[in-house]
């Protein structure tokens, strides 16, 4: 695999910071997988919740969030690596507020469905 051009920029960061950045990336990927699993479980085992179309929408929302989070994890990892190489501040990310908002919304709708049922 060809090395990306940005790896030639700046100075090689301390390997401990690169490894920490990689562990953070993997944590985001695990979170994305957990969201995907939650969406599958919700759709497959929610026979007591209804209306079913709302449950399907929630499951799809979790699946979409999982995909978006996977992409954002890579973008964030890459941006952090570039910042470390160039001795700049680490960039902010839209991932945290996006994840919080979607999970809050899904949890609130599920809670309402439990109460209404």
PDB file of N, CA and C in Angstrom:
ATOM      1  N   UNK A   1       0.846  -1.174   0.000  1.00  0.00           N
ATOM      2  CA  UNK A   1       0.000   0.000   0.000  1.00  0.00           C
ATOM      3  C   UNK A   1       0.887   1.231   0.000  1.00  0.00           C
ATOM      4  N   UNK A   2       0.550   2.174  -0.851  1.00  0.00           N
ATOM      5  CA  UNK A   2       1.333   3.400  -0.974  1.00  0.00           C
ATOM      6  C   UNK A   2       1.136   4.284   0.258  1.00  0.00           C
ATOM      7  N   UNK A   3       2.227   4.835   0.738  1.00  0.00           N
ATOM      8  CA  UNK A   3       2.164   5.714   1.906  1.00  0.00           C
ATOM      9  C   UNK A   3       1.547   7.052   1.501  1.00  0.00           C
ATOM     10  N   UNK A   4       0.584   7.550   2.296  1.00  0.00           N
ATOM     11  CA  UNK A   4      -0.047   8.829   1.950  1.00  0.00           C
ATOM     12  C   UNK A   4       0.951   9.986   2.018  1.00  0.00           C
ATOM     13  N   UNK A   5       0.698  11.018   1.231  1.00  0.00           N
ATOM     14  CA  UNK A   5       1.605  12.168   1.159  1.00  0.00           C
ATOM     15  C   UNK A   5       1.720  12.879   2.506  1.00  0.00           C
ATOM     16  N   UNK A   6       0.648  12.912   3.285  1.00  0.00           N
ATOM     17  CA  UNK A   6       0.702  13.635   4.555  1.00  0.00           C
ATOM     18  C   UNK A   6       1.678  13.005   5.539  1.00  0.00           C
ATOM     19  N   UNK A   7       2.035  11.736   5.342  1.00  0.00           N
ATOM     20  CA  UNK A   7       3.004  11.086   6.235  1.00  0.00           C
ATOM     21  C   UNK A   7       4.413  11.612   6.011  1.00  0.00           C
ATOM     22  N   UNK A   8       4.610  12.359   4.924  1.00  0.00           N
ATOM     23  CA  UNK A   8       5.918  12.967   4.656  1.00  0.00           C
ATOM     24  C   UNK A   8       6.023  14.360   5.274  1.00  0.00           C
ATOM     25  N   UNK A   9       4.899  14.891   5.777  1.00  0.00           N
ATOM     26  CA  UNK A   9       4.878  16.235   6.359  1.00  0.00           C
ATOM     27  C   UNK A   9       5.473  16.226   7.761  1.00  0.00           C
ATOM     28  N   UNK A  10       6.007  17.374   8.156  1.00  0.00           N
ATOM     29  CA  UNK A  10       6.431  17.586   9.532  1.00  0.00           C
ATOM     30  C   UNK A  10       7.399  16.536  10.031  1.00  0.00           C
ATOM     31  N   UNK A  11       7.347  16.321  11.352  1.00  0.00           N
ATOM     32  CA  UNK A  11       8.236  15.361  11.990  1.00  0.00           C
ATOM     33  C   UNK A  11       7.432  14.178  12.521  1.00  0.00           C
ATOM     34  N   UNK A  12       8.084  13.047  12.562  1.00  0.00           N
ATOM     35  CA  UNK A  12       7.443  11.845  13.092  1.00  0.00           C
ATOM     36  C   UNK A  12       7.116  12.073  14.575  1.00  0.00           C
ATOM     37  N   UNK A  13       5.839  11.919  14.971  1.00  0.00           N
ATOM     38  CA  UNK A  13       5.511  12.123  16.381  1.00  0.00           C
ATOM     39  C   UNK A  13       6.009  10.968  17.245  1.00  0.00           C
ATOM     40  N   UNK A  14       6.078  11.214  18.525  1.00  0.00           N
ATOM     41  CA  UNK A  14       6.436  10.170  19.485  1.00  0.00           C
ATOM     42  C   UNK A  14       5.477   9.000  19.267  1.00  0.00           C
ATOM     43  N   UNK A  15       6.017   7.806  19.178  1.00  0.00           N
ATOM     44  CA  UNK A  15       5.186   6.635  18.864  1.00  0.00           C
ATOM     45  C   UNK A  15       4.075   6.423  19.887  1.00  0.00           C
ATOM     46  N   UNK A  16       4.301   6.857  21.141  1.00  0.00           N
ATOM     47  CA  UNK A  16       3.267   6.684  22.165  1.00  0.00           C
ATOM     48  C   UNK A  16       2.011   7.488  21.828  1.00  0.00           C
ATOM     49  N   UNK A  17       2.197   8.673  21.253  1.00  0.00           N
ATOM     50  CA  UNK A  17       1.048   9.493  20.875  1.00  0.00           C
ATOM     51  C   UNK A  17       0.332   8.893  19.667  1.00  0.00           C
ATOM     52  N   UNK A  18       1.108   8.370  18.733  1.00  0.00           N
ATOM     53  CA  UNK A  18       0.496   7.713  17.573  1.00  0.00           C
ATOM     54  C   UNK A  18      -0.298   6.480  17.993  1.00  0.00           C
ATOM     55  N   UNK A  19       0.271   5.705  18.924  1.00  0.00           N
ATOM     56  CA  UNK A  19      -0.445   4.523  19.399  1.00  0.00           C
ATOM     57  C   UNK A  19      -1.694   4.906  20.188  1.00  0.00           C
ATOM     58  N   UNK A  20      -1.621   5.976  20.965  1.00  0.00           N
ATOM     59  CA  UNK A  20      -2.809   6.447  21.687  1.00  0.00           C
ATOM     60  C   UNK A  20      -3.882   6.901  20.703  1.00  0.00           C
ATOM     61  N   UNK A  21      -3.460   7.571  19.640  1.00  0.00           N
ATOM     62  CA  UNK A  21      -4.401   8.007  18.611  1.00  0.00           C
ATOM     63  C   UNK A  21      -5.054   6.789  17.952  1.00  0.00           C
ATOM     64  N   UNK A  22      -4.268   5.751  17.714  1.00  0.00           N
ATOM     65  CA  UNK A  22      -4.812   4.529  17.113  1.00  0.00           C
ATOM     66  C   UNK A  22      -5.799   3.843  18.063  1.00  0.00           C
ATOM     67  N   UNK A  23      -5.486   3.811  19.360  1.00  0.00           N
ATOM     68  CA  UNK A  23      -6.419   3.208  20.323  1.00  0.00           C
ATOM     69  C   UNK A  23      -7.734   3.985  20.363  1.00  0.00           C
ATOM     70  N   UNK A  24      -7.648   5.306  20.249  1.00  0.00           N
ATOM     71  CA  UNK A  24      -8.862   6.124  20.213  1.00  0.00           C
ATOM     72  C   UNK A  24      -9.677   5.803  18.970  1.00  0.00           C
ATOM     73  N   UNK A  25      -9.006   5.671  17.835  1.00  0.00           N
ATOM     74  CA  UNK A  25      -9.687   5.281  16.594  1.00  0.00           C
ATOM     75  C   UNK A  25     -10.412   3.952  16.785  1.00  0.00           C
ATOM     76  N   UNK A  26      -9.724   2.978  17.372  1.00  0.00           N
ATOM     77  CA  UNK A  26     -10.341   1.671  17.576  1.00  0.00           C
ATOM     78  C   UNK A  26     -11.523   1.750  18.540  1.00  0.00           C
ATOM     79  N   UNK A  27     -11.450   2.621  19.527  1.00  0.00           N
ATOM     80  CA  UNK A  27     -12.589   2.803  20.439  1.00  0.00           C
ATOM     81  C   UNK A  27     -13.796   3.364  19.684  1.00  0.00           C
ATOM     82  N   UNK A  28     -13.570   4.298  18.775  1.00  0.00           N
ATOM     83  CA  UNK A  28     -14.669   4.837  17.959  1.00  0.00           C
ATOM     84  C   UNK A  28     -15.262   3.743  17.075  1.00  0.00           C
ATOM     85  N   UNK A  29     -14.411   2.891  16.520  1.00  0.00           N
ATOM     86  CA  UNK A  29     -14.907   1.793  15.673  1.00  0.00           C
ATOM     87  C   UNK A  29     -15.718   0.808  16.521  1.00  0.00           C
ATOM     88  N   UNK A  30     -15.264   0.507  17.737  1.00  0.00           N
ATOM     89  CA  UNK A  30     -16.046  -0.367  18.623  1.00  0.00           C
ATOM     90  C   UNK A  30     -17.395   0.254  18.952  1.00  0.00           C
ATOM     91  N   UNK A  31     -17.408   1.551  19.159  1.00  0.00           N
ATOM     92  CA  UNK A  31     -18.669   2.242  19.427  1.00  0.00           C
ATOM     93  C   UNK A  31     -19.595   2.124  18.222  1.00  0.00           C
ATOM     94  N   UNK A  32     -19.044   2.292  17.030  1.00  0.00           N
ATOM     95  CA  UNK A  32     -19.853   2.159  15.814  1.00  0.00           C
ATOM     96  C   UNK A  32     -20.417   0.745  15.688  1.00  0.00           C
ATOM     97  N   UNK A  33     -19.610  -0.259  15.985  1.00  0.00           N
ATOM     98  CA  UNK A  33     -20.092  -1.641  15.931  1.00  0.00           C
ATOM     99  C   UNK A  33     -21.179  -1.895  16.969  1.00  0.00           C
ATOM    100  N   UNK A  34     -21.026  -1.318  18.149  1.00  0.00           N
ATOM    101  CA  UNK A  34     -22.046  -1.476  19.192  1.00  0.00           C
ATOM    102  C   UNK A  34     -23.362  -0.832  18.759  1.00  0.00           C
ATOM    103  N   UNK A  35     -23.280   0.338  18.121  1.00  0.00           N
ATOM    104  CA  UNK A  35     -24.496   0.992  17.625  1.00  0.00           C
ATOM    105  C   UNK A  35     -25.171   0.152  16.546  1.00  0.00           C
ATOM    106  N   UNK A  36     -24.368  -0.421  15.666  1.00  0.00           N
ATOM    107  CA  UNK A  36     -24.916  -1.285  14.618  1.00  0.00           C
ATOM    108  C   UNK A  36     -25.589  -2.507  15.241  1.00  0.00           C
ATOM    109  N   UNK A  37     -24.932  -3.118  16.206  1.00  0.00           N
ATOM    110  CA  UNK A  37     -25.522  -4.274  16.893  1.00  0.00           C
ATOM    111  C   UNK A  37     -26.812  -3.878  17.609  1.00  0.00           C
ATOM    112  N   UNK A  38     -26.814  -2.699  18.222  1.00  0.00           N
ATOM    113  CA  UNK A  38     -28.027  -2.223  18.888  1.00  0.00           C
ATOM    114  C   UNK A  38     -29.174  -2.050  17.919  1.00  0.00           C
ATOM    115  N   UNK A  39     -28.892  -1.535  16.733  1.00  0.00           N
ATOM    116  CA  UNK A  39     -29.930  -1.375  15.715  1.00  0.00           C
ATOM    117  C   UNK A  39     -30.486  -2.709  15.254  1.00  0.00           C
ATOM    118  N   UNK A  40     -29.594  -3.688  15.056  1.00  0.00           N
ATOM    119  CA  UNK A  40     -30.035  -5.025  14.633  1.00  0.00           C
ATOM    120  C   UNK A  40     -30.884  -5.672  15.722  1.00  0.00           C
ATOM    121  N   UNK A  41     -30.424  -5.600  16.961  1.00  0.00           N
ATOM    122  CA  UNK A  41     -31.177  -6.185  18.083  1.00  0.00           C
ATOM    123  C   UNK A  41     -32.532  -5.502  18.229  1.00  0.00           C
ATOM    124  N   UNK A  42     -32.536  -4.201  18.122  1.00  0.00           N
ATOM    125  CA  UNK A  42     -33.789  -3.451  18.245  1.00  0.00           C
ATOM    126  C   UNK A  42     -34.806  -3.910  17.204  1.00  0.00           C
ATOM    127  N   UNK A  43     -34.361  -4.034  15.970  1.00  0.00           N
ATOM    128  CA  UNK A  43     -35.292  -4.427  14.898  1.00  0.00           C
ATOM    129  C   UNK A  43     -35.720  -5.889  15.030  1.00  0.00           C
ATOM    130  N   UNK A  44     -34.802  -6.761  15.402  1.00  0.00           N
ATOM    131  CA  UNK A  44     -35.096  -8.186  15.440  1.00  0.00           C
ATOM    132  C   UNK A  44     -35.935  -8.614  16.652  1.00  0.00           C
ATOM    133  N   UNK A  45     -35.751  -7.959  17.782  1.00  0.00           N
ATOM    134  CA  UNK A  45     -36.366  -8.440  19.016  1.00  0.00           C
ATOM    135  C   UNK A  45     -37.339  -7.452  19.653  1.00  0.00           C
ATOM    136  N   UNK A  46     -37.888  -6.568  18.861  1.00  0.00           N
ATOM    137  CA  UNK A  46     -38.778  -5.536  19.415  1.00  0.00           C
ATOM    138  C   UNK A  46     -40.238  -5.820  19.097  1.00  0.00           C
ATOM    139  N   UNK A  47     -40.641  -7.049  19.212  1.00  0.00           N
ATOM    140  CA  UNK A  47     -42.022  -7.389  18.862  1.00  0.00           C
ATOM    141  C   UNK A  47     -43.027  -6.735  19.802  1.00  0.00           C
ATOM    142  N   UNK A  48     -42.610  -6.339  20.986  1.00  0.00           N
ATOM    143  CA  UNK A  48     -43.513  -5.714  21.946  1.00  0.00           C
ATOM    144  C   UNK A  48     -43.627  -4.202  21.752  1.00  0.00           C
ATOM    145  N   UNK A  49     -42.719  -3.628  20.983  1.00  0.00           N
ATOM    146  CA  UNK A  49     -42.749  -2.176  20.755  1.00  0.00           C
ATOM    147  C   UNK A  49     -43.487  -1.866  19.464  1.00  0.00           C
ATOM    148  N   UNK A  50     -44.118  -0.751  19.424  1.00  0.00           N
ATOM    149  CA  UNK A  50     -44.797  -0.370  18.194  1.00  0.00           C
ATOM    150  C   UNK A  50     -45.082   1.104  18.208  1.00  0.00           C
ATOM    151  N   UNK A  51     -45.446   1.666  17.117  1.00  0.00           N
ATOM    152  CA  UNK A  51     -45.642   0.999  15.821  1.00  0.00           C
ATOM    153  C   UNK A  51     -44.310   0.530  15.222  1.00  0.00           C
ATOM    154  N   UNK A  52     -44.381  -0.566  14.482  1.00  0.00           N
ATOM    155  CA  UNK A  52     -43.174  -1.206  13.954  1.00  0.00           C
ATOM    156  C   UNK A  52     -42.380  -0.273  13.053  1.00  0.00           C
ATOM    157  N   UNK A  53     -43.034   0.591  12.317  1.00  0.00           N
ATOM    158  CA  UNK A  53     -42.314   1.497  11.422  1.00  0.00           C
ATOM    159  C   UNK A  53     -41.391   2.431  12.211  1.00  0.00           C
ATOM    160  N   UNK A  54     -41.811   2.826  13.409  1.00  0.00           N
ATOM    161  CA  UNK A  54     -40.958   3.684  14.245  1.00  0.00           C
ATOM    162  C   UNK A  54     -39.726   2.907  14.700  1.00  0.00           C
ATOM    163  N   UNK A  55     -39.913   1.644  15.064  1.00  0.00           N
ATOM    164  CA  UNK A  55     -38.795   0.801  15.483  1.00  0.00           C
ATOM    165  C   UNK A  55     -37.811   0.623  14.327  1.00  0.00           C
ATOM    166  N   UNK A  56     -38.321   0.403  13.132  1.00  0.00           N
ATOM    167  CA  UNK A  56     -37.453   0.249  11.958  1.00  0.00           C
ATOM    168  C   UNK A  56     -36.691   1.544  11.698  1.00  0.00           C
ATOM    169  N   UNK A  57     -37.351   2.683  11.814  1.00  0.00           N
ATOM    170  CA  UNK A  57     -36.671   3.969  11.619  1.00  0.00           C
ATOM    171  C   UNK A  57     -35.552   4.144  12.640  1.00  0.00           C
ATOM    172  N   UNK A  58     -35.812   3.781  13.891  1.00  0.00           N
ATOM    173  CA  UNK A  58     -34.776   3.871  14.927  1.00  0.00           C
ATOM    174  C   UNK A  58     -33.601   2.948  14.615  1.00  0.00           C
ATOM    175  N   UNK A  59     -33.905   1.727  14.191  1.00  0.00           N
ATOM    176  CA  UNK A  59     -32.849   0.767  13.855  1.00  0.00           C
ATOM    177  C   UNK A  59     -32.019   1.271  12.673  1.00  0.00           C
ATOM    178  N   UNK A  60     -32.673   1.818  11.674  1.00  0.00           N
ATOM    179  CA  UNK A  60     -31.955   2.371  10.522  1.00  0.00           C
ATOM    180  C   UNK A  60     -31.108   3.569  10.957  1.00  0.00           C
ATOM    181  N   UNK A  61     -31.643   4.400  11.838  1.00  0.00           N
ATOM    182  CA  UNK A  61     -30.886   5.553  12.338  1.00  0.00           C
ATOM    183  C   UNK A  61     -29.609   5.099  13.044  1.00  0.00           C
ATOM    184  N   UNK A  62     -29.719   4.036  13.834  1.00  0.00           N
ATOM    185  CA  UNK A  62     -28.524   3.509  14.497  1.00  0.00           C
ATOM    186  C   UNK A  62     -27.523   2.945  13.491  1.00  0.00           C
ATOM    187  N   UNK A  63     -28.021   2.278  12.457  1.00  0.00           N
ATOM    188  CA  UNK A  63     -27.137   1.760  11.412  1.00  0.00           C
ATOM    189  C   UNK A  63     -26.442   2.868  10.645  1.00  0.00           C
ATOM    190  N   UNK A  64     -27.182   3.906  10.312  1.00  0.00           N
ATOM    191  CA  UNK A  64     -26.591   5.041   9.596  1.00  0.00           C
ATOM    192  C   UNK A  64     -25.569   5.743  10.478  1.00  0.00           C
ATOM    193  N   UNK A  65     -25.918   5.948  11.750  1.00  0.00           N
ATOM    194  CA  UNK A  65     -24.971   6.567  12.679  1.00  0.00           C
ATOM    195  C   UNK A  65     -23.703   5.733  12.781  1.00  0.00           C
ATOM    196  N   UNK A  66     -23.846   4.420  12.791  1.00  0.00           N
ATOM    197  CA  UNK A  66     -22.694   3.537  12.838  1.00  0.00           C
ATOM    198  C   UNK A  66     -21.777   3.754  11.637  1.00  0.00           C
ATOM    199  N   UNK A  67     -22.357   3.839  10.464  1.00  0.00           N
ATOM    200  CA  UNK A  67     -21.560   4.059   9.250  1.00  0.00           C
ATOM    201  C   UNK A  67     -20.878   5.427   9.277  1.00  0.00           C
ATOM    202  N   UNK A  68     -21.630   6.450   9.656  1.00  0.00           N
ATOM    203  CA  UNK A  68     -21.069   7.809   9.722  1.00  0.00           C
ATOM    204  C   UNK A  68     -19.948   7.871  10.756  1.00  0.00           C
ATOM    205  N   UNK A  69     -20.160   7.232  11.893  1.00  0.00           N
ATOM    206  CA  UNK A  69     -19.159   7.242  12.943  1.00  0.00           C
ATOM    207  C   UNK A  69     -17.879   6.531  12.504  1.00  0.00           C
ATOM    208  N   UNK A  70     -18.012   5.476  11.725  1.00  0.00           N
ATOM    209  CA  UNK A  70     -16.832   4.782  11.208  1.00  0.00           C
ATOM    210  C   UNK A  70     -15.998   5.700  10.322  1.00  0.00           C
ATOM    211  N   UNK A  71     -16.654   6.447   9.471  1.00  0.00           N
ATOM    212  CA  UNK A  71     -15.948   7.392   8.601  1.00  0.00           C
ATOM    213  C   UNK A  71     -15.326   8.513   9.432  1.00  0.00           C
ATOM    214  N   UNK A  72     -16.102   9.058  10.371  1.00  0.00           N
ATOM    215  CA  UNK A  72     -15.590  10.133  11.216  1.00  0.00           C
ATOM    216  C   UNK A  72     -14.402   9.669  12.051  1.00  0.00           C
ATOM    217  N   UNK A  73     -14.389   8.408  12.466  1.00  0.00           N
ATOM    218  CA  UNK A  73     -13.265   7.874  13.239  1.00  0.00           C
ATOM    219  C   UNK A  73     -11.980   7.949  12.425  1.00  0.00           C
ATOM    220  N   UNK A  74     -12.045   7.564  11.156  1.00  0.00           N
ATOM    221  CA  UNK A  74     -10.850   7.642  10.312  1.00  0.00           C
ATOM    222  C   UNK A  74     -10.445   9.096  10.078  1.00  0.00           C
ATOM    223  N   UNK A  75     -11.419   9.935   9.762  1.00  0.00           N
ATOM    224  CA  UNK A  75     -11.119  11.345   9.500  1.00  0.00           C
ATOM    225  C   UNK A  75     -10.468  11.978  10.730  1.00  0.00           C
ATOM    226  N   UNK A  76     -11.001  11.654  11.895  1.00  0.00           N
ATOM    227  CA  UNK A  76     -10.449  12.198  13.142  1.00  0.00           C
ATOM    228  C   UNK A  76      -9.039  11.669  13.394  1.00  0.00           C
ATOM    229  N   UNK A  77      -8.830  10.364  13.199  1.00  0.00           N
ATOM    230  CA  UNK A  77      -7.499   9.775  13.376  1.00  0.00           C
ATOM    231  C   UNK A  77      -6.482  10.456  12.470  1.00  0.00           C
ATOM    232  N   UNK A  78      -6.849  10.606  11.205  1.00  0.00           N
ATOM    233  CA  UNK A  78      -5.957  11.222  10.220  1.00  0.00           C
ATOM    234  C   UNK A  78      -5.646  12.671  10.585  1.00  0.00           C
ATOM    235  N   UNK A  79      -6.662  13.433  10.939  1.00  0.00           N
ATOM    236  CA  UNK A  79      -6.466  14.837  11.310  1.00  0.00           C
ATOM    237  C   UNK A  79      -5.568  14.956  12.540  1.00  0.00           C
ATOM    238  N   UNK A  80      -5.741  14.063  13.499  1.00  0.00           N
ATOM    239  CA  UNK A  80      -4.885  14.085  14.689  1.00  0.00           C
ATOM    240  C   UNK A  80      -3.436  13.761  14.334  1.00  0.00           C
ATOM    241  N   UNK A  81      -3.239  12.786  13.458  1.00  0.00           N
ATOM    242  CA  UNK A  81      -1.874  12.437  13.035  1.00  0.00           C
ATOM    243  C   UNK A  81      -1.204  13.620  12.342  1.00  0.00           C
ATOM    244  N   UNK A  82      -1.932  14.273  11.457  1.00  0.00           N
ATOM    245  CA  UNK A  82      -1.370  15.427  10.742  1.00  0.00           C
ATOM    246  C   UNK A  82      -1.047  16.551  11.721  1.00  0.00           C
ATOM    247  N   UNK A  83      -1.944  16.810  12.661  1.00  0.00           N
ATOM    248  CA  UNK A  83      -1.706  17.864  13.653  1.00  0.00           C
ATOM    249  C   UNK A  83      -0.472  17.541  14.493  1.00  0.00           C
ATOM    250  N   UNK A  84      -0.336  16.296  14.926  1.00  0.00           N
ATOM    251  CA  UNK A  84       0.829  15.928  15.729  1.00  0.00           C
ATOM    252  C   UNK A  84       2.119  16.074  14.935  1.00  0.00           C
ATOM    253  N   UNK A  85       2.100  15.711  13.662  1.00  0.00           N
ATOM    254  CA  UNK A  85       3.291  15.821  12.820  1.00  0.00           C
ATOM    255  C   UNK A  85       3.725  17.274  12.635  1.00  0.00           C
ATOM    256  N   UNK A  86       2.754  18.175  12.653  1.00  0.00           N
ATOM    257  CA  UNK A  86       3.049  19.590  12.402  1.00  0.00           C
ATOM    258  C   UNK A  86       3.009  20.436  13.676  1.00  0.00           C
ATOM    259  N   UNK A  87       3.016  19.783  14.827  1.00  0.00           N
ATOM    260  CA  UNK A  87       3.029  20.461  16.135  1.00  0.00           C
ATOM    261  C   UNK A  87       1.905  21.490  16.254  1.00  0.00           C
ATOM    262  N   UNK A  88       0.714  21.103  15.797  1.00  0.00           N
ATOM    263  CA  UNK A  88      -0.463  21.971  15.908  1.00  0.00           C
ATOM    264  C   UNK A  88      -1.416  21.402  16.942  1.00  0.00           C
ATOM    265  N   UNK A  89      -2.372  22.230  17.336  1.00  0.00           N
ATOM    266  CA  UNK A  89      -3.417  21.771  18.254  1.00  0.00           C
ATOM    267  C   UNK A  89      -4.223  20.673  17.584  1.00  0.00           C
ATOM    268  N   UNK A  90      -4.732  19.758  18.382  1.00  0.00           N
ATOM    269  CA  UNK A  90      -5.588  18.712  17.829  1.00  0.00           C
ATOM    270  C   UNK A  90      -6.912  19.339  17.412  1.00  0.00           C
ATOM    271  N   UNK A  91      -7.432  18.946  16.263  1.00  0.00           N
ATOM    272  CA  UNK A  91      -8.676  19.546  15.767  1.00  0.00           C
ATOM    273  C   UNK A  91      -9.899  19.063  16.538  1.00  0.00           C
ATOM    274  N   UNK A  92     -10.937  19.854  16.477  1.00  0.00           N
ATOM    275  CA  UNK A  92     -12.209  19.438  17.070  1.00  0.00           C
ATOM    276  C   UNK A  92     -12.925  18.516  16.085  1.00  0.00           C
ATOM    277  N   UNK A  93     -13.966  17.870  16.581  1.00  0.00           N
ATOM    278  CA  UNK A  93     -14.696  16.926  15.744  1.00  0.00           C
ATOM    279  C   UNK A  93     -16.188  17.065  15.975  1.00  0.00           C
ATOM    280  N   UNK A  94     -16.946  16.838  14.929  1.00  0.00           N
ATOM    281  CA  UNK A  94     -18.400  16.848  15.008  1.00  0.00           C
ATOM    282  C   UNK A  94     -18.925  15.525  15.570  1.00  0.00           C
ATOM    283  N   UNK A  95     -18.050  14.541  15.727  1.00  0.00           N
ATOM    284  CA  UNK A  95     -18.472  13.196  16.133  1.00  0.00           C
ATOM    285  C   UNK A  95     -19.144  13.172  17.507  1.00  0.00           C
ATOM    286  N   UNK A  96     -18.585  13.869  18.474  1.00  0.00           N
ATOM    287  CA  UNK A  96     -19.147  13.816  19.830  1.00  0.00           C
ATOM    288  C   UNK A  96     -20.558  14.389  19.911  1.00  0.00           C
ATOM    289  N   UNK A  97     -20.795  15.611  19.424  1.00  0.00           N
ATOM    290  CA  UNK A  97     -22.175  16.108  19.501  1.00  0.00           C
ATOM    291  C   UNK A  97     -23.144  15.307  18.637  1.00  0.00           C
ATOM    292  N   UNK A  98     -22.699  14.827  17.480  1.00  0.00           N
ATOM    293  CA  UNK A  98     -23.558  14.026  16.616  1.00  0.00           C
ATOM    294  C   UNK A  98     -23.947  12.726  17.316  1.00  0.00           C
ATOM    295  N   UNK A  99     -22.971  12.031  17.861  1.00  0.00           N
ATOM    296  CA  UNK A  99     -23.235  10.781  18.560  1.00  0.00           C
ATOM    297  C   UNK A  99     -24.181  11.011  19.738  1.00  0.00           C
ATOM    298  N   UNK A 100     -23.916  12.033  20.517  1.00  0.00           N
ATOM    299  CA  UNK A 100     -24.756  12.332  21.676  1.00  0.00           C
ATOM    300  C   UNK A 100     -26.190  12.644  21.270  1.00  0.00           C
ATOM    301  N   UNK A 101     -26.353  13.453  20.249  1.00  0.00           N
ATOM    302  CA  UNK A 101     -27.701  13.855  19.820  1.00  0.00           C
ATOM    303  C   UNK A 101     -28.504  12.672  19.302  1.00  0.00           C
ATOM    304  N   UNK A 102     -27.899  11.841  18.470  1.00  0.00           N
ATOM    305  CA  UNK A 102     -28.637  10.713  17.895  1.00  0.00           C
ATOM    306  C   UNK A 102     -28.969   9.677  18.964  1.00  0.00           C
ATOM    307  N   UNK A 103     -28.008   9.359  19.824  1.00  0.00           N
ATOM    308  CA  UNK A 103     -28.277   8.371  20.871  1.00  0.00           C
ATOM    309  C   UNK A 103     -29.334   8.898  21.835  1.00  0.00           C
ATOM    310  N   UNK A 104     -29.273  10.177  22.182  1.00  0.00           N
ATOM    311  CA  UNK A 104     -30.299  10.775  23.040  1.00  0.00           C
ATOM    312  C   UNK A 104     -31.675  10.676  22.391  1.00  0.00           C
ATOM    313  N   UNK A 105     -31.761  10.991  21.109  1.00  0.00           N
ATOM    314  CA  UNK A 105     -33.039  10.938  20.405  1.00  0.00           C
ATOM    315  C   UNK A 105     -33.586   9.518  20.351  1.00  0.00           C
ATOM    316  N   UNK A 106     -32.740   8.562  19.991  1.00  0.00           N
ATOM    317  CA  UNK A 106     -33.177   7.166  19.911  1.00  0.00           C
ATOM    318  C   UNK A 106     -33.630   6.676  21.284  1.00  0.00           C
ATOM    319  N   UNK A 107     -32.862   6.982  22.321  1.00  0.00           N
ATOM    320  CA  UNK A 107     -33.232   6.550  23.668  1.00  0.00           C
ATOM    321  C   UNK A 107     -34.549   7.177  24.117  1.00  0.00           C
ATOM    322  N   UNK A 108     -34.749   8.444  23.795  1.00  0.00           N
ATOM    323  CA  UNK A 108     -35.997   9.119  24.180  1.00  0.00           C
ATOM    324  C   UNK A 108     -37.202   8.500  23.474  1.00  0.00           C
ATOM    325  N   UNK A 109     -37.052   8.225  22.182  1.00  0.00           N
ATOM    326  CA  UNK A 109     -38.169   7.621  21.438  1.00  0.00           C
ATOM    327  C   UNK A 109     -38.465   6.221  21.970  1.00  0.00           C
ATOM    328  N   UNK A 110     -37.433   5.441  22.260  1.00  0.00           N
ATOM    329  CA  UNK A 110     -37.660   4.102  22.814  1.00  0.00           C
ATOM    330  C   UNK A 110     -38.353   4.196  24.172  1.00  0.00           C
ATOM    331  N   UNK A 111     -37.939   5.142  24.999  1.00  0.00           N
ATOM    332  CA  UNK A 111     -38.595   5.325  26.292  1.00  0.00           C
ATOM    333  C   UNK A 111     -40.062   5.674  26.124  1.00  0.00           C
ATOM    334  N   UNK A 112     -40.365   6.539  25.178  1.00  0.00           N
ATOM    335  CA  UNK A 112     -41.771   6.899  24.907  1.00  0.00           C
ATOM    336  C   UNK A 112     -42.530   5.680  24.429  1.00  0.00           C
ATOM    337  N   UNK A 113     -41.940   4.867  23.573  1.00  0.00           N
ATOM    338  CA  UNK A 113     -42.617   3.667  23.083  1.00  0.00           C
ATOM    339  C   UNK A 113     -42.899   2.698  24.220  1.00  0.00           C
ATOM    340  N   UNK A 114     -41.979   2.570  25.175  1.00  0.00           N
ATOM    341  CA  UNK A 114     -42.223   1.716  26.330  1.00  0.00           C
ATOM    342  C   UNK A 114     -43.379   2.232  27.172  1.00  0.00           C
ATOM    343  N   UNK A 115     -43.423   3.536  27.377  1.00  0.00           N
ATOM    344  CA  UNK A 115     -44.480   4.127  28.210  1.00  0.00           C
ATOM    345  C   UNK A 115     -45.828   4.017  27.525  1.00  0.00           C
ATOM    346  N   UNK A 116     -45.863   4.276  26.232  1.00  0.00           N
ATOM    347  CA  UNK A 116     -47.122   4.233  25.486  1.00  0.00           C
ATOM    348  C   UNK A 116     -47.635   2.807  25.371  1.00  0.00           C
ATOM    349  N   UNK A 117     -46.735   1.859  25.289  1.00  0.00           N
ATOM    350  CA  UNK A 117     -47.134   0.464  25.124  1.00  0.00           C
ATOM    351  C   UNK A 117     -47.809   0.003  26.378  1.00  0.00           C
TER     352      UNK A 117
END
